Amino acid sequence: MTISGINSIPIPSSLPSAAGSTGSDAFSNILTKTIDNLQSVQNEANDTAQKFMAGENDEIHDIALAGQQAELTFELGLQVRNKVVNAYQEIMKMQL
């Protein structure tokens, strides 16, 4: 199992251009890609654990690393979600 840095988590460095998509479509695409990445990291951790239990992998540290990576990716997603919800709530409090 290769260990990838935190830079492997796809976080957009800038907003996509408006050519061909609206702002909500761009946000939706970014959100979908991020959730798909989170799911793939969790699936990889589950596969690693299943292989260990089946006797195909003798390295316990691979399981620990995959599990930790899945946990950290989930925590990052959870914190981003919390920030988005807080921003939405603040916007809803604004008066026109």
C-alpha atoms as a PDB file:
ATOM      1  CA  MET A   1       0.000   0.000   0.000  1.00  0.00           C
ATOM      2  CA  THR A   2       1.394   3.351  -0.948  1.00  0.00           C
ATOM      3  CA  ILE A   3       1.054   6.225   1.449  1.00  0.00           C
ATOM      4  CA  SER A   4      -0.147   9.382  -0.196  1.00  0.00           C
ATOM      5  CA  GLY A   5       0.171  12.814   1.293  1.00  0.00           C
ATOM      6  CA  ILE A   6      -2.657  15.063   2.298  1.00  0.00           C
ATOM      7  CA  ASN A   7      -2.276  16.747  -1.089  1.00  0.00           C
ATOM      8  CA  SER A   8      -3.953  13.707  -2.659  1.00  0.00           C
ATOM      9  CA  ILE A   9      -7.325  14.813  -1.288  1.00  0.00           C
ATOM     10  CA  PRO A  10      -8.970  16.733  -4.122  1.00  0.00           C
ATOM     11  CA  ILE A  11      -9.592  20.228  -2.804  1.00  0.00           C
ATOM     12  CA  PRO A  12     -10.182  22.766  -5.551  1.00  0.00           C
ATOM     13  CA  SER A  13      -7.572  25.511  -5.580  1.00  0.00           C
ATOM     14  CA  SER A  14      -9.887  27.928  -7.343  1.00  0.00           C
ATOM     15  CA  LEU A  15     -13.480  28.098  -8.443  1.00  0.00           C
ATOM     16  CA  PRO A  16     -14.201  26.582 -11.838  1.00  0.00           C
ATOM     17  CA  SER A  17     -14.863  28.975 -14.675  1.00  0.00           C
ATOM     18  CA  ALA A  18     -18.459  29.820 -15.458  1.00  0.00           C
ATOM     19  CA  ALA A  19     -18.116  28.600 -19.037  1.00  0.00           C
ATOM     20  CA  GLY A  20     -20.729  25.930 -19.570  1.00  0.00           C
ATOM     21  CA  SER A  21     -21.922  25.636 -15.971  1.00  0.00           C
ATOM     22  CA  THR A  22     -23.634  27.735 -13.372  1.00  0.00           C
ATOM     23  CA  GLY A  23     -22.225  28.325  -9.913  1.00  0.00           C
ATOM     24  CA  SER A  24     -24.549  25.780  -8.334  1.00  0.00           C
ATOM     25  CA  ASP A  25     -23.564  23.161 -10.924  1.00  0.00           C
ATOM     26  CA  ALA A  26     -19.879  23.783 -10.226  1.00  0.00           C
ATOM     27  CA  PHE A  27     -20.431  23.490  -6.468  1.00  0.00           C
ATOM     28  CA  SER A  28     -22.466  20.342  -6.995  1.00  0.00           C
ATOM     29  CA  ASN A  29     -19.699  18.800  -9.107  1.00  0.00           C
ATOM     30  CA  ILE A  30     -17.034  19.633  -6.520  1.00  0.00           C
ATOM     31  CA  LEU A  31     -19.198  18.201  -3.740  1.00  0.00           C
ATOM     32  CA  THR A  32     -19.913  15.023  -5.712  1.00  0.00           C
ATOM     33  CA  LYS A  33     -16.217  14.445  -6.506  1.00  0.00           C
ATOM     34  CA  THR A  34     -15.232  14.987  -2.877  1.00  0.00           C
ATOM     35  CA  ILE A  35     -17.871  12.574  -1.584  1.00  0.00           C
ATOM     36  CA  ASP A  36     -16.830   9.987  -4.182  1.00  0.00           C
ATOM     37  CA  ASN A  37     -13.214  10.326  -3.021  1.00  0.00           C
ATOM     38  CA  LEU A  38     -14.275   9.884   0.606  1.00  0.00           C
ATOM     39  CA  GLN A  39     -16.207   6.756  -0.318  1.00  0.00           C
ATOM     40  CA  SER A  40     -13.279   5.297  -2.266  1.00  0.00           C
ATOM     41  CA  VAL A  41     -10.875   5.854   0.652  1.00  0.00           C
ATOM     42  CA  GLN A  42     -13.311   4.138   3.032  1.00  0.00           C
ATOM     43  CA  ASN A  43     -13.811   1.254   0.588  1.00  0.00           C
ATOM     44  CA  GLU A  44     -10.043   0.834   0.312  1.00  0.00           C
ATOM     45  CA  ALA A  45      -9.747   0.651   4.110  1.00  0.00           C
ATOM     46  CA  ASN A  46     -12.514  -1.959   4.243  1.00  0.00           C
ATOM     47  CA  ASP A  47     -10.873  -4.001   1.473  1.00  0.00           C
ATOM     48  CA  THR A  48      -7.540  -3.918   3.296  1.00  0.00           C
ATOM     49  CA  ALA A  49      -9.168  -5.151   6.501  1.00  0.00           C
ATOM     50  CA  GLN A  50     -11.041  -7.901   4.629  1.00  0.00           C
ATOM     51  CA  LYS A  51      -7.830  -9.083   2.956  1.00  0.00           C
ATOM     52  CA  PHE A  52      -6.090  -9.229   6.327  1.00  0.00           C
ATOM     53  CA  MET A  53      -8.916 -11.278   7.854  1.00  0.00           C
ATOM     54  CA  ALA A  54      -8.844 -13.625   4.858  1.00  0.00           C
ATOM     55  CA  GLY A  55      -5.104 -14.162   5.352  1.00  0.00           C
ATOM     56  CA  GLU A  56      -4.076 -12.494   2.108  1.00  0.00           C
ATOM     57  CA  ASN A  57      -2.101  -9.734   3.828  1.00  0.00           C
ATOM     58  CA  ASP A  58       0.263 -10.224   6.770  1.00  0.00           C
ATOM     59  CA  GLU A  59       1.019  -6.545   7.361  1.00  0.00           C
ATOM     60  CA  ILE A  60      -1.021  -5.120  10.238  1.00  0.00           C
ATOM     61  CA  HIS A  61       0.393  -1.647   9.676  1.00  0.00           C
ATOM     62  CA  ASP A  62      -1.305  -1.527   6.243  1.00  0.00           C
ATOM     63  CA  ILE A  63      -4.661  -1.893   7.978  1.00  0.00           C
ATOM     64  CA  ALA A  64      -3.817   0.729  10.559  1.00  0.00           C
ATOM     65  CA  LEU A  65      -2.676   3.208   7.898  1.00  0.00           C
ATOM     66  CA  ALA A  66      -5.697   2.631   5.673  1.00  0.00           C
ATOM     67  CA  GLY A  67      -8.050   2.998   8.634  1.00  0.00           C
ATOM     68  CA  GLN A  68      -6.360   6.169   9.817  1.00  0.00           C
ATOM     69  CA  GLN A  69      -6.441   7.659   6.329  1.00  0.00           C
ATOM     70  CA  ALA A  70     -10.159   6.879   6.049  1.00  0.00           C
ATOM     71  CA  GLU A  71     -10.800   8.413   9.466  1.00  0.00           C
ATOM     72  CA  LEU A  72      -8.879  11.603   8.672  1.00  0.00           C
ATOM     73  CA  THR A  73     -10.596  11.969   5.300  1.00  0.00           C
ATOM     74  CA  PHE A  74     -13.984  11.557   6.971  1.00  0.00           C
ATOM     75  CA  GLU A  75     -13.108  14.125   9.651  1.00  0.00           C
ATOM     76  CA  LEU A  76     -12.028  16.606   6.968  1.00  0.00           C
ATOM     77  CA  GLY A  77     -15.319  16.104   5.131  1.00  0.00           C
ATOM     78  CA  LEU A  78     -17.265  16.507   8.356  1.00  0.00           C
ATOM     79  CA  GLN A  79     -15.498  19.767   9.224  1.00  0.00           C
ATOM     80  CA  VAL A  80     -16.094  21.158   5.731  1.00  0.00           C
ATOM     81  CA  ARG A  81     -19.767  20.226   6.016  1.00  0.00           C
ATOM     82  CA  ASN A  82     -19.982  21.980   9.384  1.00  0.00           C
ATOM     83  CA  LYS A  83     -18.435  25.144   7.917  1.00  0.00           C
ATOM     84  CA  VAL A  84     -20.859  25.100   4.978  1.00  0.00           C
ATOM     85  CA  VAL A  85     -23.849  24.665   7.302  1.00  0.00           C
ATOM     86  CA  ASN A  86     -22.614  27.512   9.532  1.00  0.00           C
ATOM     87  CA  ALA A  87     -22.140  29.777   6.512  1.00  0.00           C
ATOM     88  CA  TYR A  88     -25.638  28.941   5.281  1.00  0.00           C
ATOM     89  CA  GLN A  89     -27.107  29.718   8.706  1.00  0.00           C
ATOM     90  CA  GLU A  90     -25.284  33.056   8.831  1.00  0.00           C
ATOM     91  CA  ILE A  91     -26.555  33.972   5.376  1.00  0.00           C
ATOM     92  CA  MET A  92     -30.113  33.103   6.403  1.00  0.00           C
ATOM     93  CA  LYS A  93     -29.790  35.428   9.430  1.00  0.00           C
ATOM     94  CA  MET A  94     -28.951  38.410   7.200  1.00  0.00           C
ATOM     95  CA  GLN A  95     -31.665  40.931   6.549  1.00  0.00           C
ATOM     96  CA  LEU A  96     -32.096  42.422   3.130  1.00  0.00           C
END
